[in-house]
Amino acid sequence: MFSWGLLLAIAPELVPLIVSTIINVESAVKGILKGEVKKQKVMEVIKAILQTKDYFIEGDSAKQSQIYTVVSEAIDFFVTAFNYLGLFKTSKKVDFSPTGGV
């Protein structure tokens, strides 16, 4: 079973790691529409770092898989936010403005 306590304990370490890795990969891998390649590279870096952490090494494969899933979803979240804010050049803008009458 996944430990939310563990997630909350490692989040202060993981969030800056994820954000800085995304930014570094974005600057190294140029080109619009290379999102999957960039995400794969970010995951590779973070997986390599996680494999040096006691909380990760000591966990079973199910816990490790859950951490990878959370990291993957966090990458998607941050990239979407960065694209929306215009920090990354993208061919598409996500429009979150309301449509129709409220």
PDB file of N, CA and C in Angstrom:
ATOM      1  N   MET A   1       0.839  -1.185   0.000  1.00  0.00           N
ATOM      2  CA  MET A   1       0.000   0.000   0.000  1.00  0.00           C
ATOM      3  C   MET A   1       0.881   1.244   0.000  1.00  0.00           C
ATOM      4  N   PHE A   2       0.445   2.248  -0.746  1.00  0.00           N
ATOM      5  CA  PHE A   2       1.216   3.481  -0.875  1.00  0.00           C
ATOM      6  C   PHE A   2       1.125   4.295   0.404  1.00  0.00           C
ATOM      7  N   SER A   3       2.251   4.848   0.802  1.00  0.00           N
ATOM      8  CA  SER A   3       2.312   5.657   2.010  1.00  0.00           C
ATOM      9  C   SER A   3       2.261   7.139   1.650  1.00  0.00           C
ATOM     10  N   TRP A   4       1.141   7.778   1.991  1.00  0.00           N
ATOM     11  CA  TRP A   4       1.031   9.211   1.745  1.00  0.00           C
ATOM     12  C   TRP A   4       2.010   9.964   2.621  1.00  0.00           C
ATOM     13  N   GLY A   5       2.318   9.403   3.795  1.00  0.00           N
ATOM     14  CA  GLY A   5       3.313  10.022   4.673  1.00  0.00           C
ATOM     15  C   GLY A   5       4.668  10.086   3.992  1.00  0.00           C
ATOM     16  N   LEU A   6       5.028   9.011   3.293  1.00  0.00           N
ATOM     17  CA  LEU A   6       6.288   8.992   2.556  1.00  0.00           C
ATOM     18  C   LEU A   6       6.266  10.053   1.462  1.00  0.00           C
ATOM     19  N   LEU A   7       5.177  10.131   0.728  1.00  0.00           N
ATOM     20  CA  LEU A   7       5.070  11.123  -0.340  1.00  0.00           C
ATOM     21  C   LEU A   7       5.232  12.534   0.213  1.00  0.00           C
ATOM     22  N   LEU A   8       4.567  12.825   1.315  1.00  0.00           N
ATOM     23  CA  LEU A   8       4.684  14.155   1.920  1.00  0.00           C
ATOM     24  C   LEU A   8       6.104  14.408   2.429  1.00  0.00           C
ATOM     25  N   ALA A   9       6.772  13.352   2.884  1.00  0.00           N
ATOM     26  CA  ALA A   9       8.138  13.502   3.384  1.00  0.00           C
ATOM     27  C   ALA A   9       9.127  13.767   2.258  1.00  0.00           C
ATOM     28  N   ILE A  10       8.917  13.143   1.105  1.00  0.00           N
ATOM     29  CA  ILE A  10       9.884  13.299   0.010  1.00  0.00           C
ATOM     30  C   ILE A  10       9.530  14.431  -0.951  1.00  0.00           C
ATOM     31  N   ALA A  11       8.311  14.949  -0.879  1.00  0.00           N
ATOM     32  CA  ALA A  11       7.879  16.018  -1.794  1.00  0.00           C
ATOM     33  C   ALA A  11       8.792  17.240  -1.747  1.00  0.00           C
ATOM     34  N   PRO A  12       9.221  17.713  -0.563  1.00  0.00           N
ATOM     35  CA  PRO A  12      10.111  18.886  -0.561  1.00  0.00           C
ATOM     36  C   PRO A  12      11.428  18.652  -1.299  1.00  0.00           C
ATOM     37  N   GLU A  13      11.851  17.416  -1.381  1.00  0.00           N
ATOM     38  CA  GLU A  13      13.060  17.083  -2.125  1.00  0.00           C
ATOM     39  C   GLU A  13      12.755  16.872  -3.608  1.00  0.00           C
ATOM     40  N   LEU A  14      11.617  16.220  -3.902  1.00  0.00           N
ATOM     41  CA  LEU A  14      11.296  15.868  -5.281  1.00  0.00           C
ATOM     42  C   LEU A  14      10.848  17.057  -6.131  1.00  0.00           C
ATOM     43  N   VAL A  15      10.064  17.948  -5.583  1.00  0.00           N
ATOM     44  CA  VAL A  15       9.511  19.046  -6.382  1.00  0.00           C
ATOM     45  C   VAL A  15      10.616  19.905  -6.990  1.00  0.00           C
ATOM     46  N   PRO A  16      11.581  20.404  -6.203  1.00  0.00           N
ATOM     47  CA  PRO A  16      12.655  21.196  -6.834  1.00  0.00           C
ATOM     48  C   PRO A  16      13.485  20.378  -7.823  1.00  0.00           C
ATOM     49  N   LEU A  17      13.680  19.102  -7.530  1.00  0.00           N
ATOM     50  CA  LEU A  17      14.419  18.218  -8.435  1.00  0.00           C
ATOM     51  C   LEU A  17      13.691  18.084  -9.771  1.00  0.00           C
ATOM     52  N   ILE A  18      12.391  17.860  -9.701  1.00  0.00           N
ATOM     53  CA  ILE A  18      11.583  17.714 -10.919  1.00  0.00           C
ATOM     54  C   ILE A  18      11.600  19.012 -11.723  1.00  0.00           C
ATOM     55  N   VAL A  19      11.366  20.136 -11.062  1.00  0.00           N
ATOM     56  CA  VAL A  19      11.301  21.424 -11.755  1.00  0.00           C
ATOM     57  C   VAL A  19      12.644  21.761 -12.405  1.00  0.00           C
ATOM     58  N   SER A  20      13.732  21.617 -11.665  1.00  0.00           N
ATOM     59  CA  SER A  20      15.038  21.965 -12.238  1.00  0.00           C
ATOM     60  C   SER A  20      15.419  21.028 -13.377  1.00  0.00           C
ATOM     61  N   THR A  21      15.060  19.760 -13.261  1.00  0.00           N
ATOM     62  CA  THR A  21      15.360  18.813 -14.335  1.00  0.00           C
ATOM     63  C   THR A  21      14.555  19.144 -15.589  1.00  0.00           C
ATOM     64  N   ILE A  22      13.291  19.487 -15.426  1.00  0.00           N
ATOM     65  CA  ILE A  22      12.457  19.880 -16.569  1.00  0.00           C
ATOM     66  C   ILE A  22      13.080  21.080 -17.280  1.00  0.00           C
ATOM     67  N   ILE A  23      13.464  22.085 -16.520  1.00  0.00           N
ATOM     68  CA  ILE A  23      14.028  23.300 -17.109  1.00  0.00           C
ATOM     69  C   ILE A  23      15.341  22.998 -17.825  1.00  0.00           C
ATOM     70  N   ASN A  24      16.192  22.180 -17.213  1.00  0.00           N
ATOM     71  CA  ASN A  24      17.473  21.843 -17.839  1.00  0.00           C
ATOM     72  C   ASN A  24      17.288  21.031 -19.117  1.00  0.00           C
ATOM     73  N   VAL A  25      16.382  20.067 -19.088  1.00  0.00           N
ATOM     74  CA  VAL A  25      16.131  19.264 -20.299  1.00  0.00           C
ATOM     75  C   VAL A  25      15.503  20.137 -21.375  1.00  0.00           C
ATOM     76  N   GLU A  26      14.602  21.017 -20.992  1.00  0.00           N
ATOM     77  CA  GLU A  26      13.961  21.916 -21.961  1.00  0.00           C
ATOM     78  C   GLU A  26      15.002  22.778 -22.661  1.00  0.00           C
ATOM     79  N   SER A  27      15.983  23.243 -21.933  1.00  0.00           N
ATOM     80  CA  SER A  27      17.004  24.093 -22.557  1.00  0.00           C
ATOM     81  C   SER A  27      17.983  23.271 -23.399  1.00  0.00           C
ATOM     82  N   ALA A  28      18.159  21.994 -23.062  1.00  0.00           N
ATOM     83  CA  ALA A  28      19.097  21.144 -23.805  1.00  0.00           C
ATOM     84  C   ALA A  28      18.484  20.526 -25.053  1.00  0.00           C
ATOM     85  N   VAL A  29      17.205  20.177 -24.986  1.00  0.00           N
ATOM     86  CA  VAL A  29      16.516  19.530 -26.113  1.00  0.00           C
ATOM     87  C   VAL A  29      15.610  20.569 -26.753  1.00  0.00           C
ATOM     88  N   LYS A  30      16.075  21.148 -27.817  1.00  0.00           N
ATOM     89  CA  LYS A  30      15.318  22.213 -28.476  1.00  0.00           C
ATOM     90  C   LYS A  30      14.305  21.617 -29.450  1.00  0.00           C
ATOM     91  N   GLY A  31      13.250  22.344 -29.652  1.00  0.00           N
ATOM     92  CA  GLY A  31      12.276  21.954 -30.655  1.00  0.00           C
ATOM     93  C   GLY A  31      10.888  21.743 -30.091  1.00  0.00           C
ATOM     94  N   ILE A  32       9.950  22.308 -30.802  1.00  0.00           N
ATOM     95  CA  ILE A  32       8.546  22.141 -30.455  1.00  0.00           C
ATOM     96  C   ILE A  32       8.117  20.731 -30.846  1.00  0.00           C
ATOM     97  N   LEU A  33       7.186  20.182 -30.131  1.00  0.00           N
ATOM     98  CA  LEU A  33       6.619  18.854 -30.374  1.00  0.00           C
ATOM     99  C   LEU A  33       7.604  17.721 -30.089  1.00  0.00           C
ATOM    100  N   LYS A  34       8.510  17.933 -29.170  1.00  0.00           N
ATOM    101  CA  LYS A  34       9.400  16.867 -28.729  1.00  0.00           C
ATOM    102  C   LYS A  34       9.115  16.532 -27.267  1.00  0.00           C
ATOM    103  N   GLY A  35       7.887  16.713 -26.867  1.00  0.00           N
ATOM    104  CA  GLY A  35       7.499  16.524 -25.477  1.00  0.00           C
ATOM    105  C   GLY A  35       7.772  15.144 -24.928  1.00  0.00           C
ATOM    106  N   GLU A  36       7.478  14.118 -25.712  1.00  0.00           N
ATOM    107  CA  GLU A  36       7.699  12.757 -25.230  1.00  0.00           C
ATOM    108  C   GLU A  36       9.182  12.472 -25.026  1.00  0.00           C
ATOM    109  N   VAL A  37      10.018  12.962 -25.936  1.00  0.00           N
ATOM    110  CA  VAL A  37      11.469  12.773 -25.803  1.00  0.00           C
ATOM    111  C   VAL A  37      11.965  13.491 -24.553  1.00  0.00           C
ATOM    112  N   LYS A  38      11.487  14.723 -24.354  1.00  0.00           N
ATOM    113  CA  LYS A  38      11.900  15.508 -23.197  1.00  0.00           C
ATOM    114  C   LYS A  38      11.442  14.837 -21.901  1.00  0.00           C
ATOM    115  N   LYS A  39      10.202  14.358 -21.870  1.00  0.00           N
ATOM    116  CA  LYS A  39       9.705  13.706 -20.659  1.00  0.00           C
ATOM    117  C   LYS A  39      10.504  12.447 -20.371  1.00  0.00           C
ATOM    118  N   GLN A  40      10.827  11.691 -21.394  1.00  0.00           N
ATOM    119  CA  GLN A  40      11.616  10.477 -21.211  1.00  0.00           C
ATOM    120  C   GLN A  40      12.979  10.816 -20.600  1.00  0.00           C
ATOM    121  N   LYS A  41      13.609  11.881 -21.071  1.00  0.00           N
ATOM    122  CA  LYS A  41      14.913  12.288 -20.539  1.00  0.00           C
ATOM    123  C   LYS A  41      14.793  12.751 -19.092  1.00  0.00           C
ATOM    124  N   VAL A  42      13.754  13.507 -18.774  1.00  0.00           N
ATOM    125  CA  VAL A  42      13.533  13.943 -17.393  1.00  0.00           C
ATOM    126  C   VAL A  42      13.345  12.726 -16.490  1.00  0.00           C
ATOM    127  N   MET A  43      12.539  11.767 -16.926  1.00  0.00           N
ATOM    128  CA  MET A  43      12.316  10.551 -16.137  1.00  0.00           C
ATOM    129  C   MET A  43      13.615   9.771 -15.935  1.00  0.00           C
ATOM    130  N   GLU A  44      14.449   9.686 -16.968  1.00  0.00           N
ATOM    131  CA  GLU A  44      15.721   8.970 -16.846  1.00  0.00           C
ATOM    132  C   GLU A  44      16.606   9.594 -15.769  1.00  0.00           C
ATOM    133  N   VAL A  45      16.697  10.924 -15.778  1.00  0.00           N
ATOM    134  CA  VAL A  45      17.522  11.617 -14.790  1.00  0.00           C
ATOM    135  C   VAL A  45      16.971  11.396 -13.387  1.00  0.00           C
ATOM    136  N   ILE A  46      15.676  11.568 -13.231  1.00  0.00           N
ATOM    137  CA  ILE A  46      15.078  11.444 -11.903  1.00  0.00           C
ATOM    138  C   ILE A  46      15.146   9.995 -11.406  1.00  0.00           C
ATOM    139  N   LYS A  47      14.941   9.025 -12.296  1.00  0.00           N
ATOM    140  CA  LYS A  47      15.072   7.617 -11.894  1.00  0.00           C
ATOM    141  C   LYS A  47      16.482   7.326 -11.401  1.00  0.00           C
ATOM    142  N   ALA A  48      17.483   7.852 -12.095  1.00  0.00           N
ATOM    143  CA  ALA A  48      18.873   7.635 -11.685  1.00  0.00           C
ATOM    144  C   ALA A  48      19.133   8.238 -10.303  1.00  0.00           C
ATOM    145  N   ILE A  49      18.579   9.415 -10.047  1.00  0.00           N
ATOM    146  CA  ILE A  49      18.759  10.052  -8.737  1.00  0.00           C
ATOM    147  C   ILE A  49      18.004   9.281  -7.662  1.00  0.00           C
ATOM    148  N   LEU A  50      16.773   8.870  -7.966  1.00  0.00           N
ATOM    149  CA  LEU A  50      15.984   8.120  -6.980  1.00  0.00           C
ATOM    150  C   LEU A  50      16.687   6.829  -6.565  1.00  0.00           C
ATOM    151  N   GLN A  51      17.391   6.207  -7.478  1.00  0.00           N
ATOM    152  CA  GLN A  51      18.057   4.943  -7.175  1.00  0.00           C
ATOM    153  C   GLN A  51      19.233   5.105  -6.219  1.00  0.00           C
ATOM    154  N   THR A  52      19.546   6.345  -5.824  1.00  0.00           N
ATOM    155  CA  THR A  52      20.581   6.588  -4.821  1.00  0.00           C
ATOM    156  C   THR A  52      19.977   6.917  -3.456  1.00  0.00           C
ATOM    157  N   LYS A  53      18.671   6.991  -3.375  1.00  0.00           N
ATOM    158  CA  LYS A  53      17.999   7.402  -2.142  1.00  0.00           C
ATOM    159  C   LYS A  53      17.576   6.187  -1.322  1.00  0.00           C
ATOM    160  N   ASP A  54      17.833   6.227  -0.023  1.00  0.00           N
ATOM    161  CA  ASP A  54      17.492   5.107   0.859  1.00  0.00           C
ATOM    162  C   ASP A  54      16.005   4.802   0.835  1.00  0.00           C
ATOM    163  N   TYR A  55      15.159   5.841   0.904  1.00  0.00           N
ATOM    164  CA  TYR A  55      13.713   5.603   0.934  1.00  0.00           C
ATOM    165  C   TYR A  55      13.237   4.900  -0.323  1.00  0.00           C
ATOM    166  N   PHE A  56      13.961   5.047  -1.418  1.00  0.00           N
ATOM    167  CA  PHE A  56      13.572   4.398  -2.660  1.00  0.00           C
ATOM    168  C   PHE A  56      14.152   2.987  -2.734  1.00  0.00           C
ATOM    169  N   ILE A  57      15.418   2.853  -2.423  1.00  0.00           N
ATOM    170  CA  ILE A  57      16.097   1.552  -2.497  1.00  0.00           C
ATOM    171  C   ILE A  57      15.464   0.554  -1.535  1.00  0.00           C
ATOM    172  N   GLU A  58      15.101   1.030  -0.349  1.00  0.00           N
ATOM    173  CA  GLU A  58      14.551   0.140   0.673  1.00  0.00           C
ATOM    174  C   GLU A  58      13.095  -0.229   0.415  1.00  0.00           C
ATOM    175  N   GLY A  59      12.448   0.439  -0.519  1.00  0.00           N
ATOM    176  CA  GLY A  59      11.050   0.143  -0.823  1.00  0.00           C
ATOM    177  C   GLY A  59      10.933  -1.046  -1.762  1.00  0.00           C
ATOM    178  N   ASP A  60       9.779  -1.677  -1.739  1.00  0.00           N
ATOM    179  CA  ASP A  60       9.551  -2.793  -2.663  1.00  0.00           C
ATOM    180  C   ASP A  60       9.218  -2.242  -4.055  1.00  0.00           C
ATOM    181  N   SER A  61       9.094  -3.128  -5.019  1.00  0.00           N
ATOM    182  CA  SER A  61       8.870  -2.687  -6.406  1.00  0.00           C
ATOM    183  C   SER A  61       7.532  -1.955  -6.567  1.00  0.00           C
ATOM    184  N   ALA A  62       6.535  -2.325  -5.768  1.00  0.00           N
ATOM    185  CA  ALA A  62       5.241  -1.635  -5.851  1.00  0.00           C
ATOM    186  C   ALA A  62       5.381  -0.183  -5.399  1.00  0.00           C
ATOM    187  N   LYS A  63       6.119   0.039  -4.318  1.00  0.00           N
ATOM    188  CA  LYS A  63       6.323   1.404  -3.819  1.00  0.00           C
ATOM    189  C   LYS A  63       7.136   2.208  -4.837  1.00  0.00           C
ATOM    190  N   GLN A  64       8.156   1.603  -5.413  1.00  0.00           N
ATOM    191  CA  GLN A  64       8.969   2.283  -6.409  1.00  0.00           C
ATOM    192  C   GLN A  64       8.129   2.661  -7.627  1.00  0.00           C
ATOM    193  N   SER A  65       7.273   1.755  -8.053  1.00  0.00           N
ATOM    194  CA  SER A  65       6.396   2.020  -9.189  1.00  0.00           C
ATOM    195  C   SER A  65       5.451   3.175  -8.893  1.00  0.00           C
ATOM    196  N   GLN A  66       4.938   3.221  -7.683  1.00  0.00           N
ATOM    197  CA  GLN A  66       4.041   4.313  -7.307  1.00  0.00           C
ATOM    198  C   GLN A  66       4.769   5.649  -7.275  1.00  0.00           C
ATOM    199  N   ILE A  67       6.015   5.650  -6.817  1.00  0.00           N
ATOM    200  CA  ILE A  67       6.791   6.887  -6.819  1.00  0.00           C
ATOM    201  C   ILE A  67       7.040   7.341  -8.249  1.00  0.00           C
ATOM    202  N   TYR A  68       7.377   6.400  -9.135  1.00  0.00           N
ATOM    203  CA  TYR A  68       7.561   6.749 -10.553  1.00  0.00           C
ATOM    204  C   TYR A  68       6.292   7.348 -11.150  1.00  0.00           C
ATOM    205  N   THR A  69       5.147   6.785 -10.797  1.00  0.00           N
ATOM    206  CA  THR A  69       3.874   7.290 -11.303  1.00  0.00           C
ATOM    207  C   THR A  69       3.623   8.716 -10.821  1.00  0.00           C
ATOM    208  N   VAL A  70       3.882   8.971  -9.551  1.00  0.00           N
ATOM    209  CA  VAL A  70       3.700  10.317  -9.004  1.00  0.00           C
ATOM    210  C   VAL A  70       4.647  11.296  -9.689  1.00  0.00           C
ATOM    211  N   VAL A  71       5.893  10.882  -9.906  1.00  0.00           N
ATOM    212  CA  VAL A  71       6.869  11.738 -10.583  1.00  0.00           C
ATOM    213  C   VAL A  71       6.402  12.036 -12.004  1.00  0.00           C
ATOM    214  N   SER A  72       5.932  11.031 -12.714  1.00  0.00           N
ATOM    215  CA  SER A  72       5.458  11.211 -14.086  1.00  0.00           C
ATOM    216  C   SER A  72       4.295  12.200 -14.140  1.00  0.00           C
ATOM    217  N   GLU A  73       3.359  12.069 -13.215  1.00  0.00           N
ATOM    218  CA  GLU A  73       2.216  12.975 -13.179  1.00  0.00           C
ATOM    219  C   GLU A  73       2.648  14.393 -12.799  1.00  0.00           C
ATOM    220  N   ALA A  74       3.635  14.499 -11.912  1.00  0.00           N
ATOM    221  CA  ALA A  74       4.142  15.817 -11.530  1.00  0.00           C
ATOM    222  C   ALA A  74       4.821  16.494 -12.725  1.00  0.00           C
ATOM    223  N   ILE A  75       5.557  15.724 -13.513  1.00  0.00           N
ATOM    224  CA  ILE A  75       6.188  16.275 -14.718  1.00  0.00           C
ATOM    225  C   ILE A  75       5.120  16.835 -15.648  1.00  0.00           C
ATOM    226  N   ASP A  76       4.075  16.048 -15.884  1.00  0.00           N
ATOM    227  CA  ASP A  76       2.983  16.514 -16.752  1.00  0.00           C
ATOM    228  C   ASP A  76       2.374  17.806 -16.215  1.00  0.00           C
ATOM    229  N   PHE A  77       2.147  17.856 -14.913  1.00  0.00           N
ATOM    230  CA  PHE A  77       1.560  19.043 -14.287  1.00  0.00           C
ATOM    231  C   PHE A  77       2.436  20.268 -14.495  1.00  0.00           C
ATOM    232  N   PHE A  78       3.723  20.146 -14.163  1.00  0.00           N
ATOM    233  CA  PHE A  78       4.619  21.300 -14.263  1.00  0.00           C
ATOM    234  C   PHE A  78       4.813  21.751 -15.707  1.00  0.00           C
ATOM    235  N   VAL A  79       4.944  20.817 -16.636  1.00  0.00           N
ATOM    236  CA  VAL A  79       5.117  21.195 -18.042  1.00  0.00           C
ATOM    237  C   VAL A  79       3.868  21.919 -18.552  1.00  0.00           C
ATOM    238  N   THR A  80       2.696  21.429 -18.198  1.00  0.00           N
ATOM    239  CA  THR A  80       1.457  22.096 -18.593  1.00  0.00           C
ATOM    240  C   THR A  80       1.407  23.509 -18.016  1.00  0.00           C
ATOM    241  N   ALA A  81       1.767  23.647 -16.744  1.00  0.00           N
ATOM    242  CA  ALA A  81       1.765  24.968 -16.114  1.00  0.00           C
ATOM    243  C   ALA A  81       2.779  25.897 -16.781  1.00  0.00           C
ATOM    244  N   PHE A  82       3.976  25.385 -17.060  1.00  0.00           N
ATOM    245  CA  PHE A  82       4.999  26.207 -17.705  1.00  0.00           C
ATOM    246  C   PHE A  82       4.576  26.612 -19.114  1.00  0.00           C
ATOM    247  N   ASN A  83       3.956  25.695 -19.838  1.00  0.00           N
ATOM    248  CA  ASN A  83       3.467  26.029 -21.183  1.00  0.00           C
ATOM    249  C   ASN A  83       2.387  27.102 -21.111  1.00  0.00           C
ATOM    250  N   TYR A  84       1.464  26.939 -20.184  1.00  0.00           N
ATOM    251  CA  TYR A  84       0.368  27.901 -20.033  1.00  0.00           C
ATOM    252  C   TYR A  84       0.901  29.288 -19.676  1.00  0.00           C
ATOM    253  N   LEU A  85       1.913  29.317 -18.820  1.00  0.00           N
ATOM    254  CA  LEU A  85       2.485  30.592 -18.397  1.00  0.00           C
ATOM    255  C   LEU A  85       3.427  31.198 -19.437  1.00  0.00           C
ATOM    256  N   GLY A  86       3.683  30.450 -20.503  1.00  0.00           N
ATOM    257  CA  GLY A  86       4.534  30.952 -21.570  1.00  0.00           C
ATOM    258  C   GLY A  86       6.022  30.820 -21.298  1.00  0.00           C
ATOM    259  N   LEU A  87       6.388  30.014 -20.300  1.00  0.00           N
ATOM    260  CA  LEU A  87       7.806  29.837 -19.995  1.00  0.00           C
ATOM    261  C   LEU A  87       8.511  28.994 -21.047  1.00  0.00           C
ATOM    262  N   PHE A  88       7.766  28.105 -21.684  1.00  0.00           N
ATOM    263  CA  PHE A  88       8.313  27.287 -22.758  1.00  0.00           C
ATOM    264  C   PHE A  88       7.606  27.672 -24.043  1.00  0.00           C
ATOM    265  N   LYS A  89       8.331  27.625 -25.137  1.00  0.00           N
ATOM    266  CA  LYS A  89       7.710  27.870 -26.438  1.00  0.00           C
ATOM    267  C   LYS A  89       6.927  26.620 -26.812  1.00  0.00           C
ATOM    268  N   THR A  90       5.699  26.823 -27.198  1.00  0.00           N
ATOM    269  CA  THR A  90       4.856  25.700 -27.579  1.00  0.00           C
ATOM    270  C   THR A  90       4.009  26.110 -28.774  1.00  0.00           C
ATOM    271  N   SER A  91       3.666  25.142 -29.568  1.00  0.00           N
ATOM    272  CA  SER A  91       2.859  25.446 -30.745  1.00  0.00           C
ATOM    273  C   SER A  91       1.395  25.638 -30.378  1.00  0.00           C
ATOM    274  N   LYS A  92       1.002  25.100 -29.239  1.00  0.00           N
ATOM    275  CA  LYS A  92      -0.388  25.211 -28.816  1.00  0.00           C
ATOM    276  C   LYS A  92      -0.443  25.881 -27.455  1.00  0.00           C
ATOM    277  N   LYS A  93      -1.426  26.726 -27.274  1.00  0.00           N
ATOM    278  CA  LYS A  93      -1.684  27.316 -25.975  1.00  0.00           C
ATOM    279  C   LYS A  93      -2.925  26.654 -25.400  1.00  0.00           C
ATOM    280  N   VAL A  94      -2.849  26.303 -24.159  1.00  0.00           N
ATOM    281  CA  VAL A  94      -4.000  25.743 -23.479  1.00  0.00           C
ATOM    282  C   VAL A  94      -4.812  26.909 -22.948  1.00  0.00           C
ATOM    283  N   ASP A  95      -6.091  26.929 -23.259  1.00  0.00           N
ATOM    284  CA  ASP A  95      -6.957  28.027 -22.846  1.00  0.00           C
ATOM    285  C   ASP A  95      -7.871  27.539 -21.728  1.00  0.00           C
ATOM    286  N   PHE A  96      -7.662  28.082 -20.535  1.00  0.00           N
ATOM    287  CA  PHE A  96      -8.474  27.689 -19.393  1.00  0.00           C
ATOM    288  C   PHE A  96      -9.581  28.697 -19.097  1.00  0.00           C
ATOM    289  N   SER A  97      -9.780  29.650 -20.007  1.00  0.00           N
ATOM    290  CA  SER A  97     -10.816  30.642 -19.750  1.00  0.00           C
ATOM    291  C   SER A  97     -12.195  29.999 -19.907  1.00  0.00           C
ATOM    292  N   PRO A  98     -13.149  30.480 -19.129  1.00  0.00           N
ATOM    293  CA  PRO A  98     -14.500  29.889 -19.198  1.00  0.00           C
ATOM    294  C   PRO A  98     -15.158  30.176 -20.551  1.00  0.00           C
ATOM    295  N   THR A  99     -15.977  29.249 -20.984  1.00  0.00           N
ATOM    296  CA  THR A  99     -16.721  29.444 -22.216  1.00  0.00           C
ATOM    297  C   THR A  99     -18.207  29.453 -21.921  1.00  0.00           C
ATOM    298  N   GLY A 100     -18.932  30.187 -22.692  1.00  0.00           N
ATOM    299  CA  GLY A 100     -20.383  30.230 -22.525  1.00  0.00           C
ATOM    300  C   GLY A 100     -20.793  31.059 -21.322  1.00  0.00           C
ATOM    301  N   GLY A 101     -22.065  31.190 -21.141  1.00  0.00           N
ATOM    302  CA  GLY A 101     -22.606  31.957 -20.026  1.00  0.00           C
ATOM    303  C   GLY A 101     -22.529  31.198 -18.722  1.00  0.00           C
ATOM    304  N   VAL A 102     -22.249  31.919 -17.697  1.00  0.00           N
ATOM    305  CA  VAL A 102     -22.143  31.292 -16.370  1.00  0.00           C
ATOM    306  C   VAL A 102     -23.316  31.676 -15.543  1.00  0.00           C
TER     307      VAL A 102
END
